[in-house]
Amino acid sequence: MKRYSAADVISNTFYLDYAEMKDSKYKPWQTDKPVYVVGNDYYCAGKIGTNPAKSTRNGTTEFDWVAIDSWYAEKIGWQVWEHKCK
């Protein structure tokens, strides 16, 4: 069985290059799960039933995550979340 990563799921959701997706990681030391920047928005992914990423700074959540539809993620049992930057 193939193991998936958040970068793999997000890159396939948006038809992006996996290598470029890995390079667009948002401040990895500040979140408990990987967050990636696509355009002007942030995305994270996890298995269905898990929570989206949280900030590890002072225990506060900086993100307002909204689950988005992704046929690819749902097919493999994952969920993708989006945070729109203002």
N, C-alpha and C. Protein backbone atom coordinates (compact mmCIF):
# COMPACT_ATOMS: atom_id res chain seq x y z
N MET A 1 0.84 -1.18 0.00
CA MET A 1 0.00 0.00 0.00
C MET A 1 0.88 1.24 0.00
N LYS A 2 0.55 2.20 -0.85
CA LYS A 2 1.33 3.42 -0.97
C LYS A 2 1.13 4.33 0.23
N ARG A 3 2.21 4.94 0.69
CA ARG A 3 2.13 5.95 1.75
C ARG A 3 2.06 7.31 1.10
N TYR A 4 1.17 8.14 1.59
CA TYR A 4 0.98 9.47 1.03
C TYR A 4 1.49 10.52 2.01
N SER A 5 1.85 11.67 1.47
CA SER A 5 2.23 12.81 2.30
C SER A 5 1.29 13.97 1.96
N ALA A 6 1.27 14.96 2.84
CA ALA A 6 0.44 16.13 2.58
C ALA A 6 0.85 16.81 1.28
N ALA A 7 2.16 16.90 1.03
CA ALA A 7 2.64 17.52 -0.21
C ALA A 7 2.14 16.76 -1.43
N ASP A 8 2.15 15.44 -1.35
CA ASP A 8 1.67 14.61 -2.46
C ASP A 8 0.18 14.84 -2.70
N VAL A 9 -0.61 14.84 -1.65
CA VAL A 9 -2.06 15.00 -1.78
C VAL A 9 -2.41 16.39 -2.32
N ILE A 10 -1.78 17.43 -1.78
CA ILE A 10 -2.08 18.79 -2.24
C ILE A 10 -1.61 19.00 -3.68
N SER A 11 -0.43 18.51 -4.01
CA SER A 11 0.05 18.69 -5.39
C SER A 11 -0.86 17.98 -6.39
N ASN A 12 -1.35 16.80 -6.05
CA ASN A 12 -2.27 16.10 -6.95
C ASN A 12 -3.65 16.75 -6.99
N THR A 13 -4.07 17.36 -5.91
CA THR A 13 -5.36 18.06 -5.89
C THR A 13 -5.36 19.22 -6.88
N PHE A 14 -4.24 19.95 -6.95
CA PHE A 14 -4.16 21.12 -7.81
C PHE A 14 -3.34 20.89 -9.08
N TYR A 15 -2.99 19.64 -9.35
CA TYR A 15 -2.22 19.29 -10.55
C TYR A 15 -0.91 20.08 -10.62
N LEU A 16 -0.20 20.12 -9.49
CA LEU A 16 1.08 20.82 -9.40
C LEU A 16 2.22 19.82 -9.33
N ASP A 17 3.41 20.30 -9.62
CA ASP A 17 4.61 19.48 -9.54
C ASP A 17 4.96 19.19 -8.08
N TYR A 18 5.17 17.93 -7.76
CA TYR A 18 5.46 17.52 -6.38
C TYR A 18 6.72 18.20 -5.84
N ALA A 19 7.77 18.29 -6.64
CA ALA A 19 9.02 18.90 -6.18
C ALA A 19 8.81 20.38 -5.84
N GLU A 20 8.04 21.08 -6.65
CA GLU A 20 7.74 22.48 -6.36
C GLU A 20 6.89 22.62 -5.11
N MET A 21 5.98 21.67 -4.90
CA MET A 21 5.12 21.72 -3.72
C MET A 21 5.96 21.59 -2.46
N LYS A 22 6.91 20.68 -2.46
CA LYS A 22 7.77 20.51 -1.29
C LYS A 22 8.54 21.78 -0.96
N ASP A 23 8.87 22.57 -2.00
CA ASP A 23 9.60 23.81 -1.79
C ASP A 23 8.72 24.95 -1.29
N SER A 24 7.40 24.78 -1.33
CA SER A 24 6.50 25.85 -0.92
C SER A 24 5.98 25.65 0.51
N LYS A 25 6.73 24.93 1.32
CA LYS A 25 6.31 24.67 2.70
C LYS A 25 6.36 25.96 3.51
N TYR A 26 5.30 26.20 4.29
CA TYR A 26 5.19 27.39 5.13
C TYR A 26 5.82 27.14 6.48
N LYS A 27 6.79 27.90 6.86
CA LYS A 27 7.43 27.90 8.18
C LYS A 27 7.24 26.59 8.96
N PRO A 28 7.94 25.54 8.61
CA PRO A 28 7.71 24.23 9.22
C PRO A 28 7.89 24.18 10.73
N TRP A 29 8.62 25.10 11.30
CA TRP A 29 8.84 25.09 12.75
C TRP A 29 7.68 25.74 13.51
N GLN A 30 6.69 26.31 12.79
CA GLN A 30 5.61 27.02 13.46
C GLN A 30 4.26 26.31 13.42
N THR A 31 4.18 25.13 12.81
CA THR A 31 2.92 24.40 12.76
C THR A 31 3.14 22.94 13.13
N ASP A 32 2.10 22.31 13.65
CA ASP A 32 2.23 20.91 14.08
C ASP A 32 2.10 19.92 12.91
N LYS A 33 1.61 20.39 11.76
CA LYS A 33 1.51 19.58 10.54
C LYS A 33 1.99 20.44 9.38
N PRO A 34 2.45 19.83 8.30
CA PRO A 34 2.92 20.62 7.16
C PRO A 34 1.83 21.49 6.56
N VAL A 35 2.19 22.74 6.26
CA VAL A 35 1.31 23.70 5.60
C VAL A 35 2.05 24.17 4.35
N TYR A 36 1.34 24.26 3.23
CA TYR A 36 1.94 24.64 1.96
C TYR A 36 1.26 25.87 1.39
N VAL A 37 2.02 26.70 0.70
CA VAL A 37 1.50 27.91 0.08
C VAL A 37 1.28 27.63 -1.41
N VAL A 38 0.05 27.89 -1.86
CA VAL A 38 -0.29 27.77 -3.28
C VAL A 38 -0.93 29.10 -3.65
N GLY A 39 -0.28 29.84 -4.53
CA GLY A 39 -0.78 31.18 -4.86
C GLY A 39 -0.66 32.06 -3.63
N ASN A 40 -1.78 32.61 -3.19
CA ASN A 40 -1.79 33.46 -2.00
C ASN A 40 -2.46 32.80 -0.81
N ASP A 41 -2.74 31.51 -0.90
CA ASP A 41 -3.47 30.82 0.16
C ASP A 41 -2.65 29.67 0.74
N TYR A 42 -3.04 29.25 1.94
CA TYR A 42 -2.36 28.15 2.64
C TYR A 42 -3.22 26.90 2.56
N TYR A 43 -2.56 25.74 2.48
CA TYR A 43 -3.25 24.46 2.42
C TYR A 43 -2.56 23.46 3.32
N CYS A 44 -3.35 22.58 3.91
CA CYS A 44 -2.80 21.44 4.63
C CYS A 44 -3.69 20.24 4.32
N ALA A 45 -3.19 19.07 4.61
CA ALA A 45 -3.94 17.85 4.32
C ALA A 45 -3.66 16.82 5.39
N GLY A 46 -4.63 15.96 5.63
CA GLY A 46 -4.48 14.88 6.59
C GLY A 46 -5.53 13.82 6.33
N LYS A 47 -5.35 12.70 6.96
CA LYS A 47 -6.33 11.62 6.80
C LYS A 47 -7.69 12.08 7.32
N ILE A 48 -8.74 11.58 6.70
CA ILE A 48 -10.10 11.92 7.12
C ILE A 48 -10.26 11.56 8.60
N GLY A 49 -10.81 12.48 9.37
CA GLY A 49 -11.00 12.27 10.80
C GLY A 49 -9.94 12.96 11.65
N THR A 50 -8.88 13.48 11.01
CA THR A 50 -7.86 14.22 11.76
C THR A 50 -8.15 15.71 11.65
N ASN A 51 -7.50 16.49 12.49
CA ASN A 51 -7.68 17.94 12.50
C ASN A 51 -6.65 18.61 11.60
N PRO A 52 -6.98 19.81 11.08
CA PRO A 52 -6.00 20.54 10.28
C PRO A 52 -4.87 21.08 11.16
N ALA A 53 -3.87 21.66 10.53
CA ALA A 53 -2.69 22.16 11.23
C ALA A 53 -3.03 23.28 12.20
N LYS A 54 -2.26 23.35 13.28
CA LYS A 54 -2.37 24.42 14.26
C LYS A 54 -1.01 25.06 14.43
N SER A 55 -1.04 26.31 14.83
CA SER A 55 0.20 27.01 15.12
C SER A 55 0.80 26.46 16.40
N THR A 56 2.11 26.36 16.46
CA THR A 56 2.77 25.91 17.68
C THR A 56 3.29 27.09 18.49
N ARG A 57 3.02 28.29 18.03
CA ARG A 57 3.43 29.49 18.76
C ARG A 57 2.38 29.84 19.79
N ASN A 58 2.73 29.81 21.02
CA ASN A 58 1.85 30.20 22.14
C ASN A 58 0.54 29.43 22.19
N GLY A 59 0.45 28.31 21.51
CA GLY A 59 -0.74 27.48 21.56
C GLY A 59 -1.95 28.07 20.88
N THR A 60 -1.77 29.11 20.10
CA THR A 60 -2.91 29.73 19.42
C THR A 60 -3.00 29.24 17.99
N THR A 61 -4.19 29.28 17.44
CA THR A 61 -4.40 28.90 16.05
C THR A 61 -4.50 30.16 15.21
N GLU A 62 -3.61 30.30 14.25
CA GLU A 62 -3.62 31.46 13.38
C GLU A 62 -4.47 31.23 12.14
N PHE A 63 -4.89 30.01 11.90
CA PHE A 63 -5.53 29.65 10.65
C PHE A 63 -7.04 29.47 10.82
N ASP A 64 -7.77 29.88 9.80
CA ASP A 64 -9.21 29.67 9.74
C ASP A 64 -9.45 28.65 8.62
N TRP A 65 -9.30 27.37 8.92
CA TRP A 65 -9.34 26.31 7.91
C TRP A 65 -10.76 26.01 7.46
N VAL A 66 -10.90 25.77 6.16
CA VAL A 66 -12.16 25.34 5.56
C VAL A 66 -11.84 24.11 4.71
N ALA A 67 -12.58 23.04 4.92
CA ALA A 67 -12.39 21.82 4.12
C ALA A 67 -12.83 22.10 2.69
N ILE A 68 -12.02 21.63 1.73
CA ILE A 68 -12.38 21.81 0.32
C ILE A 68 -12.61 20.45 -0.31
N ASP A 69 -13.34 20.45 -1.41
CA ASP A 69 -13.59 19.21 -2.14
C ASP A 69 -12.36 18.83 -2.96
N SER A 70 -11.95 17.60 -2.86
CA SER A 70 -10.85 17.08 -3.64
C SER A 70 -11.13 15.62 -3.94
N TRP A 71 -11.46 15.32 -5.18
CA TRP A 71 -11.77 13.93 -5.53
C TRP A 71 -10.57 13.04 -5.27
N TYR A 72 -9.37 13.54 -5.52
CA TYR A 72 -8.16 12.73 -5.32
C TYR A 72 -7.98 12.40 -3.84
N ALA A 73 -8.08 13.41 -2.99
CA ALA A 73 -7.89 13.20 -1.55
C ALA A 73 -8.94 12.25 -0.99
N GLU A 74 -10.19 12.47 -1.36
CA GLU A 74 -11.27 11.62 -0.85
C GLU A 74 -11.10 10.18 -1.29
N LYS A 75 -10.61 9.98 -2.51
CA LYS A 75 -10.41 8.63 -3.04
C LYS A 75 -9.42 7.82 -2.20
N ILE A 76 -8.42 8.50 -1.63
CA ILE A 76 -7.40 7.80 -0.84
C ILE A 76 -7.60 7.97 0.67
N GLY A 77 -8.74 8.57 1.07
CA GLY A 77 -9.05 8.69 2.50
C GLY A 77 -8.42 9.90 3.19
N TRP A 78 -8.15 10.94 2.42
CA TRP A 78 -7.57 12.16 2.97
C TRP A 78 -8.54 13.32 2.80
N GLN A 79 -8.23 14.43 3.50
CA GLN A 79 -9.00 15.67 3.41
C GLN A 79 -8.00 16.82 3.21
N VAL A 80 -8.37 17.81 2.38
CA VAL A 80 -7.55 18.99 2.17
C VAL A 80 -8.28 20.18 2.76
N TRP A 81 -7.54 21.04 3.48
CA TRP A 81 -8.10 22.26 4.07
C TRP A 81 -7.42 23.47 3.46
N GLU A 82 -8.17 24.58 3.39
CA GLU A 82 -7.67 25.82 2.82
C GLU A 82 -7.84 26.95 3.81
N HIS A 83 -6.84 27.84 3.87
CA HIS A 83 -6.94 29.08 4.63
C HIS A 83 -6.69 30.21 3.66
N LYS A 84 -7.69 31.03 3.45
CA LYS A 84 -7.56 32.16 2.52
C LYS A 84 -6.88 33.31 3.22
N CYS A 85 -5.82 33.81 2.62
CA CYS A 85 -5.14 34.99 3.17
C CYS A 85 -5.90 36.24 2.78
N LYS A 86 -5.91 37.18 3.68
CA LYS A 86 -6.67 38.42 3.42
C LYS A 86 -5.82 39.45 2.74
